[in-house]
Amino acid sequence: MSMRDKTREDPLNELVNLREQVRVLKQRLDGISKCNEVEGDSGRFYCQSFQDAPVAVFVFRGEHIIDLNKETERIYALTGNQIKVNPYLSLIYEEDRDVVKMHFDTQLKSDSPLPPCIYRIICGKSQVKWVELRSMSFKGGDHPSVVCFQIDISERHKTAQNRELYQEHLEEMVKLRSVELKEALIQAEKANQVKDAFLQNMSHEFRTPIHHINSFSRLGLEKTEKLLAETDDDFIKNLSKYFHNINESSQNLFLFITNLFDLSILESRQAIYYLSKQNLSELFNIAINHCLQLQQEKKITLNLDKNIERQIAIECDQEWLLKVLKHILSNAIKFSPNGSRVNITLNYPEIETKVSENNLVKVSVSDQGIGIPENELEMVFEKFTQSSLTRDGAGGKGIGLAICKLIVEDHHGKIWIEKNPEDGVTTHFTLPIQQPDESERIFKKQKIKKEDSFNKIGFT
C-alpha cells in the first residue's frame, strides 16, 4: 500500500475509535444518572422515615444535637432550632446531667450499643419528663457522632412509682396487720387458757353437787321401789318416776361434764398416761358391760370376732383406752335401729411375729344405723361437731369422737370412719402393740409412767 492510501485511512480509524469512546462514555453517564436517581430515592426514603419515626431520633455531636426528627420536637415541646441552638445537657434535669454525659462519652469510645440510659429532661414549659435513651456510635468522617433513639416513659415511670408507693404502703399494712394478728394470737391463747381453766374448774365444782343429786335420786328411787312393792299408790308411782328422771338426767349431765373435762386436758396436753400391759379382751368386756343396759333396751345383737376372746397384750393407758372403746361402742348402739346388729372385729399380728412398735392392732366396730354423709366422715372428729343426720336431738354433743381421736393419736395410733356398702358406718382405729420409748415420744409435755399391771386384769 502506498503512503498516500495509508494517510487517507488513519483519520477514518480515529473517527471510528472516537465514536466508540463516546458511546462508552454515554453508557457510563447513563449508569451514573440511574445511580443518582436510585440514591436520590433512597435518600428521600431515609429522610421521610427519619422524620416519621414513632420514636425520637436525633444525632448528637460535640455538645449539640445536629439533626432530629418531628417526634424529638414533640417530646421536648421545642422547635428543631431551639433544640439545636442550646447545648443538649442544658435540656437535661440537673441531677441527671453527669449520668447522660458519661453515657455519651462512653458510647463514642464503643463500637457496640450501650444499655439503655434513663433520665429526666426539661421540656418547653419547664415540664419534667422521664425518657429512655438507646444509642449507637457513628464514626464516619472526621467528627464522630452518636445516633440516639428516645421514648417518653413518664407514664410508665409514674406507674412504677405508684407501684413502689403502693408496695411500701402494703408492707406497712402487712407489718401493722402482723402486729395485730400477733396480738390477737396472744389474746386467743390467753382466752384459750382461761377457757381450759374455766372448764376444769367448772367440771370440778359441778361434779360434787351433781354427784349429790345422783346419789339422793338413786336413794329416793330405791325407797319408792320398796314402797311400791307394798302398796299401789299413784303418788308413790309418780314419785318413783320423778326420781328415775332426776337420776337419769343427772347421770347424763355428769357424763357431759366429765367429757368436757377430758377434752380440756387432752387439748392442753395435760393428760397423764400411765402405760402398762393390758389384756385387750378384758377391756372389751368392760366396755360391753358398760353399754349393756342400752344394748338390752334397743335389743341390739353384738357379734364379736373370735379374736376378741384371745388374750392379747397391748401397751396402753387402761383408763383412757376404755374411754375410746366405750365411746365407739355406745355410739354404734345408740345410732343403730332397734333389733339390729353391731359387729366388733379385731385384727392383730400372729403370735409368732416378733412384737415391736411396728405391730399394730386394728379394732373395727360396724353398725347398721343412719350412717354419715361421705363429706362429713372427717368432720365428725372435730369438737362440738355432729353429722347432719344426727342434729335432730337424738345424737350427742359432738365431744366423744374428738376425745377418741386425741387419745388414739396420743397412743401413736390412727382412727377413721368408713361408710358401709349398705347401712351404717364402721369405725376403725389402730394402736401399736408396744409404745415407743419415752425419749421418742413427740408429746413432750405428757408425763409417761410405765408400770407392769398386766397381771391385774386377767393374766396369770
Protein backbone atom coordinates (compact mmCIF):
# COMPACT_ATOMS: atom_id res chain seq x y z
CA MET A 1 0.00 0.00 0.00
CA SER A 2 1.29 3.45 -0.90
CA MET A 3 1.96 6.10 1.70
CA ARG A 4 -0.91 8.16 0.27
CA ASP A 5 -3.50 5.42 0.84
CA LYS A 6 -2.25 4.88 4.42
CA THR A 7 -2.64 8.58 5.18
CA ARG A 8 -6.22 8.52 3.84
CA GLU A 9 -7.25 5.58 6.23
CA ASP A 10 -5.86 6.98 9.56
CA PRO A 11 -8.45 9.77 10.03
CA LEU A 12 -11.21 7.28 9.33
CA ASN A 13 -9.95 4.90 12.05
CA GLU A 14 -9.61 7.71 14.53
CA LEU A 15 -13.18 8.75 13.87
CA VAL A 16 -14.42 5.20 14.49
CA ASN A 17 -12.46 4.99 17.74
CA LEU A 18 -13.73 8.35 18.87
CA ARG A 19 -17.33 7.30 18.16
CA GLU A 20 -16.81 4.15 20.25
CA GLN A 21 -15.38 6.13 23.14
CA VAL A 22 -18.35 8.48 23.01
CA ARG A 23 -20.74 5.53 23.12
CA VAL A 24 -18.98 4.00 26.16
CA LEU A 25 -18.89 7.36 27.87
CA LYS A 26 -22.59 7.84 27.23
CA GLN A 27 -23.32 4.44 28.76
CA ARG A 28 -21.32 5.37 31.82
CA LEU A 29 -23.10 8.68 32.12
CA ASP A 30 -26.46 6.93 31.84
CA GLY A 31 -25.41 4.49 34.57
CA ILE A 32 -24.29 7.32 36.80
CA SER A 33 -27.58 9.09 36.21
CA LYS A 34 -29.54 5.99 37.14
CA CYS A 35 -27.42 5.53 40.28
CA ASN A 36 -28.08 9.11 41.25
CA GLU A 37 -31.79 8.55 40.76
CA VAL A 38 -31.66 5.44 42.97
CA GLU A 39 -29.58 7.21 45.57
CA GLY A 40 -31.94 10.12 45.47
CA ASP A 41 -34.93 7.84 46.06
CA SER A 42 -33.11 6.10 48.91
CA GLY A 43 -32.14 9.42 50.41
CA ARG A 44 -35.66 10.71 50.19
CA PHE A 45 -36.95 7.43 51.72
CA TYR A 46 -34.41 7.71 54.51
CA CYS A 47 -35.33 11.33 55.23
CA GLN A 48 -39.05 10.51 55.23
CA SER A 49 -38.54 7.50 57.53
CA PHE A 50 -36.32 9.57 59.80
CA GLN A 51 -38.95 12.30 60.13
CA ASP A 52 -41.95 9.96 60.54
CA ALA A 53 -40.33 7.57 63.01
CA PRO A 54 -42.63 6.87 66.04
CA VAL A 55 -39.69 7.43 68.41
CA ALA A 56 -37.45 10.45 68.86
CA VAL A 57 -34.33 10.11 66.68
CA PHE A 58 -31.50 12.63 66.81
CA VAL A 59 -27.78 12.87 66.14
CA PHE A 60 -25.52 14.16 68.91
CA ARG A 61 -22.13 15.60 68.08
CA GLY A 62 -19.87 17.62 70.37
CA GLU A 63 -22.29 19.31 72.75
CA HIS A 64 -25.24 19.80 70.42
CA ILE A 65 -27.93 17.93 68.57
CA ILE A 66 -27.19 18.46 64.87
CA ASP A 67 -30.18 16.67 63.39
CA LEU A 68 -33.52 15.49 64.77
CA ASN A 69 -36.98 14.31 63.73
CA LYS A 70 -40.52 15.51 64.48
CA GLU A 71 -41.02 13.17 67.45
CA THR A 72 -37.99 14.74 69.15
CA GLU A 73 -39.61 18.17 68.81
CA ARG A 74 -42.87 16.79 70.21
CA ILE A 75 -41.25 15.18 73.24
CA TYR A 76 -39.17 18.25 74.10
CA ALA A 77 -42.02 20.65 73.21
CA LEU A 78 -39.48 22.81 71.36
CA THR A 79 -38.73 23.58 67.72
CA GLY A 80 -35.79 21.99 65.99
CA ASN A 81 -33.82 25.27 66.03
CA GLN A 82 -34.47 25.76 69.76
CA ILE A 83 -33.14 22.29 70.44
CA LYS A 84 -30.10 22.66 68.17
CA VAL A 85 -29.02 26.09 69.38
CA ASN A 86 -28.63 25.11 73.02
CA PRO A 87 -26.15 22.55 74.41
CA TYR A 88 -28.02 19.31 74.86
CA LEU A 89 -27.07 19.00 78.54
CA SER A 90 -28.99 22.23 79.22
CA LEU A 91 -32.18 20.35 78.31
CA ILE A 92 -31.49 17.64 80.89
CA TYR A 93 -32.56 17.71 84.53
CA GLU A 94 -29.61 19.00 86.52
CA GLU A 95 -29.23 15.95 88.76
CA ASP A 96 -29.08 13.63 85.72
CA ARG A 97 -26.57 15.56 83.57
CA ASP A 98 -23.47 13.72 84.77
CA VAL A 99 -25.07 10.40 84.00
CA VAL A 100 -26.00 11.43 80.46
CA LYS A 101 -22.58 12.97 79.76
CA MET A 102 -20.88 9.78 80.90
CA HIS A 103 -23.19 7.75 78.65
CA PHE A 104 -22.31 9.82 75.54
CA ASP A 105 -18.57 9.78 76.34
CA THR A 106 -18.65 6.00 76.76
CA GLN A 107 -20.71 5.47 73.60
CA LEU A 108 -18.26 7.48 71.48
CA LYS A 109 -15.49 5.13 72.55
CA SER A 110 -17.52 1.94 71.99
CA ASP A 111 -18.44 0.21 68.74
CA SER A 112 -21.40 -1.58 70.34
CA PRO A 113 -24.65 -0.09 71.61
CA LEU A 114 -24.75 0.55 75.37
CA PRO A 115 -27.54 -0.47 77.75
CA PRO A 116 -30.47 1.98 77.93
CA CYS A 117 -29.98 5.21 79.84
CA ILE A 118 -32.99 6.53 81.79
CA TYR A 119 -33.04 10.17 82.85
CA ARG A 120 -35.19 13.29 83.10
CA ILE A 121 -35.46 16.13 80.56
CA ILE A 122 -36.79 19.68 80.83
CA CYS A 123 -39.39 20.41 78.19
CA GLY A 124 -40.71 23.66 76.74
CA LYS A 125 -42.76 24.88 79.72
CA SER A 126 -40.37 23.61 82.39
CA GLN A 127 -42.20 20.32 82.40
CA VAL A 128 -40.13 17.35 83.54
CA LYS A 129 -40.39 14.07 81.63
CA TRP A 130 -38.75 10.72 82.08
CA VAL A 131 -37.13 9.33 78.92
CA GLU A 132 -35.28 6.19 77.93
CA LEU A 133 -32.32 6.60 75.56
CA ARG A 134 -30.73 3.93 73.36
CA SER A 135 -27.70 4.87 71.30
CA MET A 136 -25.04 3.73 68.86
CA SER A 137 -21.84 5.41 67.70
CA PHE A 138 -21.26 6.66 64.12
CA LYS A 139 -17.57 7.23 63.33
CA GLY A 140 -17.71 8.12 59.64
CA GLY A 141 -15.73 11.25 58.71
CA ASP A 142 -13.68 13.47 60.96
CA HIS A 143 -16.40 14.10 63.54
CA PRO A 144 -17.73 11.00 65.37
CA SER A 145 -21.36 11.23 66.37
CA VAL A 146 -23.92 9.38 68.49
CA VAL A 147 -27.20 8.34 66.89
CA CYS A 148 -29.89 8.35 69.58
CA PHE A 149 -33.32 6.74 69.84
CA GLN A 150 -35.51 8.05 72.64
CA ILE A 151 -39.00 7.34 74.03
CA ASP A 152 -41.12 9.08 76.65
CA ILE A 153 -41.58 6.79 79.69
CA SER A 154 -43.18 9.30 82.04
CA GLU A 155 -46.43 7.33 82.37
CA ARG A 156 -44.57 4.08 82.85
CA HIS A 157 -42.34 5.65 85.47
CA LYS A 158 -45.35 7.17 87.20
CA THR A 159 -46.97 3.74 87.29
CA ALA A 160 -43.75 2.25 88.67
CA GLN A 161 -43.59 4.99 91.30
CA ASN A 162 -47.19 4.36 92.26
CA ARG A 163 -46.46 0.65 92.43
CA GLU A 164 -43.46 1.29 94.67
CA LEU A 165 -45.52 3.58 96.87
CA TYR A 166 -48.30 1.01 96.99
CA GLN A 167 -45.78 -1.71 97.80
CA GLU A 168 -44.33 0.39 100.60
CA HIS A 169 -47.84 1.08 101.85
CA LEU A 170 -48.68 -2.61 101.56
CA GLU A 171 -45.56 -3.56 103.50
CA GLU A 172 -46.53 -1.12 106.23
CA MET A 173 -50.04 -2.56 106.25
CA VAL A 174 -48.66 -6.10 106.44
CA LYS A 175 -46.38 -5.12 109.33
CA LEU A 176 -49.27 -3.45 111.11
CA ARG A 177 -51.54 -6.41 110.40
CA SER A 178 -48.85 -8.83 111.58
CA VAL A 179 -48.61 -6.95 114.86
CA GLU A 180 -52.39 -7.03 115.19
CA LEU A 181 -52.51 -10.76 114.38
CA LYS A 182 -49.70 -11.47 116.83
CA GLU A 183 -51.55 -9.56 119.50
CA ALA A 184 -54.77 -11.36 118.57
CA LEU A 185 -52.95 -14.70 118.77
CA ILE A 186 -51.64 -13.83 122.23
CA GLN A 187 -55.14 -12.83 123.31
CA ALA A 188 -56.58 -16.01 121.79
CA GLU A 189 -54.03 -18.14 123.63
CA LYS A 190 -54.86 -16.34 126.86
CA ALA A 191 -58.58 -16.82 126.20
CA ASN A 192 -57.95 -20.49 125.45
CA GLN A 193 -56.06 -20.85 128.71
CA VAL A 194 -58.90 -19.11 130.55
CA LYS A 195 -61.37 -21.40 128.79
CA ASP A 196 -59.40 -24.50 129.80
CA ALA A 197 -59.14 -23.30 133.38
CA PHE A 198 -62.86 -22.50 133.41
CA LEU A 199 -63.80 -25.92 132.05
CA GLN A 200 -61.58 -27.67 134.54
CA ASN A 201 -62.85 -25.61 137.48
CA MET A 202 -66.44 -25.92 136.30
CA SER A 203 -66.09 -29.67 135.89
CA HIS A 204 -64.59 -29.97 139.35
CA GLU A 205 -67.16 -27.68 141.02
CA PHE A 206 -70.12 -29.26 139.25
CA ARG A 207 -69.16 -32.82 139.97
CA THR A 208 -69.86 -32.65 143.68
CA PRO A 209 -73.41 -31.25 143.53
CA ILE A 210 -74.25 -33.48 140.55
CA HIS A 211 -72.91 -36.45 142.47
CA HIS A 212 -75.15 -35.50 145.41
CA ILE A 213 -78.19 -35.18 143.12
CA ASN A 214 -77.38 -38.54 141.58
CA SER A 215 -76.92 -40.21 144.96
CA PHE A 216 -80.07 -38.79 146.55
CA SER A 217 -82.19 -39.51 143.46
CA ARG A 218 -80.92 -43.08 143.45
CA LEU A 219 -81.68 -43.36 147.17
CA GLY A 220 -85.19 -41.97 146.59
CA LEU A 221 -85.68 -44.39 143.70
CA GLU A 222 -84.73 -47.35 145.89
CA LYS A 223 -87.08 -46.22 148.68
CA THR A 224 -90.03 -45.70 146.35
CA GLU A 225 -89.45 -49.08 144.72
CA LYS A 226 -89.66 -50.70 148.17
CA LEU A 227 -92.87 -48.81 148.90
CA LEU A 228 -94.34 -49.85 145.54
CA ALA A 229 -93.69 -53.44 146.49
CA GLU A 230 -96.04 -52.93 149.48
CA THR A 231 -98.61 -50.52 148.03
CA ASP A 232 -100.10 -49.50 144.70
CA ASP A 233 -100.40 -45.78 145.50
CA ASP A 234 -100.41 -43.44 142.48
CA PHE A 235 -98.47 -40.79 144.37
CA ILE A 236 -95.66 -43.25 145.06
CA LYS A 237 -95.68 -44.29 141.39
CA ASN A 238 -95.29 -40.70 140.22
CA LEU A 239 -92.66 -40.06 142.85
CA SER A 240 -90.69 -43.08 141.65
CA LYS A 241 -90.93 -41.85 138.07
CA TYR A 242 -89.65 -38.40 139.10
CA PHE A 243 -86.70 -39.90 140.96
CA HIS A 244 -85.92 -42.04 137.91
CA ASN A 245 -85.92 -39.00 135.59
CA ILE A 246 -83.78 -36.98 138.01
CA ASN A 247 -81.30 -39.83 138.32
CA GLU A 248 -81.07 -40.38 134.55
CA SER A 249 -80.67 -36.65 133.82
CA SER A 250 -78.01 -36.22 136.50
CA GLN A 251 -76.07 -39.16 135.06
CA ASN A 252 -76.19 -37.62 131.56
CA LEU A 253 -75.11 -34.24 132.92
CA PHE A 254 -72.32 -35.86 134.92
CA LEU A 255 -71.11 -37.68 131.78
CA PHE A 256 -71.20 -34.44 129.77
CA ILE A 257 -69.21 -32.56 132.44
CA THR A 258 -66.68 -35.41 132.57
CA ASN A 259 -66.29 -35.37 128.79
CA LEU A 260 -65.74 -31.60 128.82
CA PHE A 261 -63.04 -32.03 131.44
CA ASP A 262 -61.38 -34.84 129.46
CA LEU A 263 -61.45 -32.80 126.25
CA SER A 264 -59.93 -29.81 128.02
CA ILE A 265 -56.94 -31.64 129.49
CA LEU A 266 -56.37 -33.62 126.28
CA GLU A 267 -56.29 -30.48 124.12
CA SER A 268 -53.99 -28.67 126.55
CA ARG A 269 -51.61 -31.66 126.59
CA GLN A 270 -52.00 -32.04 130.35
CA ALA A 271 -53.21 -35.64 130.18
CA ILE A 272 -51.10 -38.12 132.12
CA TYR A 273 -50.76 -41.55 130.54
CA TYR A 274 -49.77 -44.47 132.72
CA LEU A 275 -48.62 -47.10 130.26
CA SER A 276 -48.85 -50.75 131.17
CA LYS A 277 -49.54 -54.08 129.51
CA GLN A 278 -53.28 -54.61 129.34
CA ASN A 279 -55.47 -57.55 128.38
CA LEU A 280 -57.35 -56.14 125.36
CA SER A 281 -60.05 -58.83 125.63
CA GLU A 282 -60.77 -57.78 129.21
CA LEU A 283 -61.02 -54.12 128.15
CA PHE A 284 -63.59 -55.13 125.53
CA ASN A 285 -65.64 -56.95 128.19
CA ILE A 286 -65.62 -53.89 130.45
CA ALA A 287 -66.77 -51.65 127.57
CA ILE A 288 -69.51 -54.12 126.57
CA ASN A 289 -70.80 -54.32 130.19
CA HIS A 290 -70.83 -50.52 130.31
CA CYS A 291 -73.18 -50.43 127.30
CA LEU A 292 -75.21 -53.46 128.38
CA GLN A 293 -78.31 -51.56 129.55
CA LEU A 294 -78.57 -49.53 126.32
CA GLN A 295 -77.96 -52.69 124.29
CA GLN A 296 -80.77 -54.55 126.04
CA GLU A 297 -83.18 -51.62 125.77
CA LYS A 298 -82.68 -51.47 121.99
CA LYS A 299 -82.39 -55.26 121.63
CA ILE A 300 -79.10 -54.93 119.76
CA THR A 301 -77.18 -58.11 118.94
CA LEU A 302 -73.41 -57.85 119.41
CA ASN A 303 -71.40 -60.07 117.03
CA LEU A 304 -67.92 -60.49 118.48
CA ASP A 305 -64.98 -61.61 116.41
CA LYS A 306 -63.39 -64.79 117.77
CA ASN A 307 -60.07 -62.99 118.15
CA ILE A 308 -61.58 -60.86 120.92
CA GLU A 309 -61.70 -63.91 123.18
CA ARG A 310 -57.95 -64.44 122.82
CA GLN A 311 -55.62 -62.86 125.35
CA ILE A 312 -53.80 -60.09 123.56
CA ALA A 313 -51.31 -57.94 125.43
CA ILE A 314 -51.18 -54.27 124.40
CA GLU A 315 -49.23 -51.43 125.99
CA CYS A 316 -51.60 -48.55 126.75
CA ASP A 317 -53.26 -46.48 129.44
CA GLN A 318 -56.16 -48.59 130.68
CA GLU A 319 -58.43 -45.73 131.76
CA TRP A 320 -58.03 -43.66 128.58
CA LEU A 321 -58.32 -46.60 126.18
CA LEU A 322 -61.51 -47.70 127.95
CA LYS A 323 -62.97 -44.28 127.19
CA VAL A 324 -62.29 -44.88 123.49
CA LEU A 325 -63.92 -48.32 123.49
CA LYS A 326 -66.96 -47.08 125.45
CA HIS A 327 -67.49 -44.05 123.20
CA ILE A 328 -67.25 -46.01 119.96
CA LEU A 329 -69.40 -48.93 121.15
CA SER A 330 -72.08 -46.69 122.71
CA ASN A 331 -72.25 -44.62 119.50
CA ALA A 332 -72.74 -47.76 117.41
CA ILE A 333 -75.56 -48.96 119.66
CA LYS A 334 -77.16 -45.51 120.04
CA PHE A 335 -77.42 -44.85 116.29
CA SER A 336 -78.47 -48.39 115.32
CA PRO A 337 -82.18 -49.21 114.87
CA ASN A 338 -83.84 -51.48 117.41
CA GLY A 339 -83.24 -55.16 116.80
CA SER A 340 -80.21 -54.62 114.54
CA ARG A 341 -76.64 -55.91 114.84
CA VAL A 342 -73.31 -54.36 115.82
CA ASN A 343 -70.20 -56.21 114.67
CA ILE A 344 -66.88 -55.96 116.53
CA THR A 345 -63.75 -57.33 114.84
CA LEU A 346 -60.11 -57.42 115.88
CA ASN A 347 -57.02 -57.88 113.70
CA TYR A 348 -53.55 -58.30 115.17
CA PRO A 349 -50.13 -59.79 114.26
CA GLU A 350 -49.69 -63.53 114.67
CA ILE A 351 -48.33 -64.70 118.00
CA GLU A 352 -45.09 -65.91 116.48
CA THR A 353 -44.37 -62.49 114.98
CA LYS A 354 -41.72 -60.62 116.89
CA VAL A 355 -43.50 -57.94 118.91
CA SER A 356 -42.35 -54.40 118.18
CA GLU A 357 -43.79 -50.92 117.99
CA ASN A 358 -44.45 -51.51 114.29
CA ASN A 359 -47.02 -54.25 115.07
CA LEU A 360 -50.48 -52.73 115.01
CA VAL A 361 -53.76 -53.91 116.48
CA LYS A 362 -56.81 -52.89 114.45
CA VAL A 363 -60.25 -52.63 116.05
CA SER A 364 -63.39 -52.18 113.91
CA VAL A 365 -66.94 -51.51 115.16
CA SER A 366 -69.66 -51.67 112.50
CA ASP A 367 -73.30 -50.65 112.93
CA GLN A 368 -76.48 -50.64 110.82
CA GLY A 369 -77.54 -47.12 111.74
CA ILE A 370 -78.40 -43.98 109.77
CA GLY A 371 -74.81 -43.51 108.65
CA ILE A 372 -72.76 -40.38 107.97
CA PRO A 373 -72.54 -38.49 104.64
CA GLU A 374 -69.29 -39.06 102.74
CA ASN A 375 -68.18 -35.43 103.03
CA GLU A 376 -68.59 -35.47 106.83
CA LEU A 377 -66.54 -38.57 107.69
CA GLU A 378 -63.55 -36.48 108.81
CA MET A 379 -65.51 -33.51 110.12
CA VAL A 380 -67.25 -35.54 112.87
CA PHE A 381 -63.90 -35.85 114.71
CA GLU A 382 -63.88 -32.10 115.33
CA LYS A 383 -65.09 -31.00 118.76
CA PHE A 384 -68.74 -29.95 119.13
CA THR A 385 -69.44 -31.17 115.59
CA GLN A 386 -72.15 -33.65 114.69
CA SER A 387 -73.25 -35.28 111.49
CA SER A 388 -76.06 -33.51 109.68
CA LEU A 389 -78.09 -36.71 110.05
CA THR A 390 -77.92 -36.64 113.88
CA ARG A 391 -78.69 -32.97 114.65
CA ASP A 392 -82.32 -33.65 115.48
CA GLY A 393 -81.60 -34.13 119.18
CA ALA A 394 -81.08 -37.87 119.01
CA GLY A 395 -77.31 -37.52 118.79
CA GLY A 396 -74.72 -36.48 121.36
CA LYS A 397 -72.89 -33.23 121.98
CA GLY A 398 -70.12 -33.73 119.43
CA ILE A 399 -67.42 -34.44 122.03
CA GLY A 400 -66.96 -38.22 122.11
CA LEU A 401 -65.21 -38.73 118.77
CA ALA A 402 -62.98 -35.69 119.35
CA ILE A 403 -61.84 -37.29 122.63
CA CYS A 404 -61.29 -40.65 120.90
CA LYS A 405 -59.14 -39.04 118.20
CA LEU A 406 -56.89 -37.29 120.73
CA ILE A 407 -56.43 -40.42 122.86
CA VAL A 408 -55.71 -42.71 119.90
CA GLU A 409 -53.23 -40.27 118.36
CA ASP A 410 -51.51 -39.81 121.72
CA HIS A 411 -51.04 -43.59 121.68
CA HIS A 412 -49.41 -43.30 118.22
CA GLY A 413 -52.48 -44.76 116.55
CA LYS A 414 -54.97 -43.70 113.91
CA ILE A 415 -58.77 -43.50 113.88
CA TRP A 416 -61.16 -43.11 110.96
CA ILE A 417 -64.71 -43.88 109.79
CA GLU A 418 -65.89 -45.58 106.59
CA LYS A 419 -69.37 -45.91 105.12
CA ASN A 420 -70.72 -49.44 104.90
CA PRO A 421 -71.83 -50.75 101.49
CA GLU A 422 -75.42 -50.93 102.75
CA ASP A 423 -76.42 -49.23 106.02
CA GLY A 424 -74.41 -47.61 108.78
CA VAL A 425 -70.72 -46.94 109.21
CA THR A 426 -67.64 -48.72 110.53
CA THR A 427 -65.30 -47.00 112.96
CA HIS A 428 -61.71 -48.24 112.80
CA PHE A 429 -58.73 -47.47 114.98
CA THR A 430 -55.22 -48.89 115.15
CA LEU A 431 -52.77 -48.98 118.06
CA PRO A 432 -49.19 -50.24 118.30
CA ILE A 433 -48.83 -53.30 120.50
CA GLN A 434 -45.80 -51.72 122.08
CA GLN A 435 -45.48 -47.96 122.59
CA PRO A 436 -42.23 -46.21 121.60
CA ASP A 437 -39.73 -45.39 124.31
CA GLU A 438 -40.32 -42.26 126.35
CA SER A 439 -37.41 -40.50 124.61
CA GLU A 440 -39.12 -40.99 121.22
CA ARG A 441 -42.49 -39.53 122.16
CA ILE A 442 -43.49 -36.37 120.37
CA PHE A 443 -45.74 -35.01 123.14
CA LYS A 444 -43.06 -33.63 125.42
CA LYS A 445 -45.48 -32.17 127.95
CA GLN A 446 -47.05 -35.55 128.66
CA LYS A 447 -45.72 -37.42 131.63
CA ILE A 448 -45.36 -41.12 130.79
CA LYS A 449 -45.08 -43.62 133.56
CA LYS A 450 -44.71 -47.30 132.71
CA GLU A 451 -45.87 -49.88 135.19
CA ASP A 452 -46.45 -53.52 134.51
CA SER A 453 -50.03 -54.19 135.58
CA PHE A 454 -50.52 -56.95 133.05
CA ASN A 455 -51.41 -59.49 135.74
CA LYS A 456 -54.01 -57.21 137.33
CA ILE A 457 -56.76 -57.76 134.77
CA GLY A 458 -56.87 -61.34 133.75
CA PHE A 459 -53.30 -62.55 133.12
CA THR A 460 -51.65 -65.06 135.42
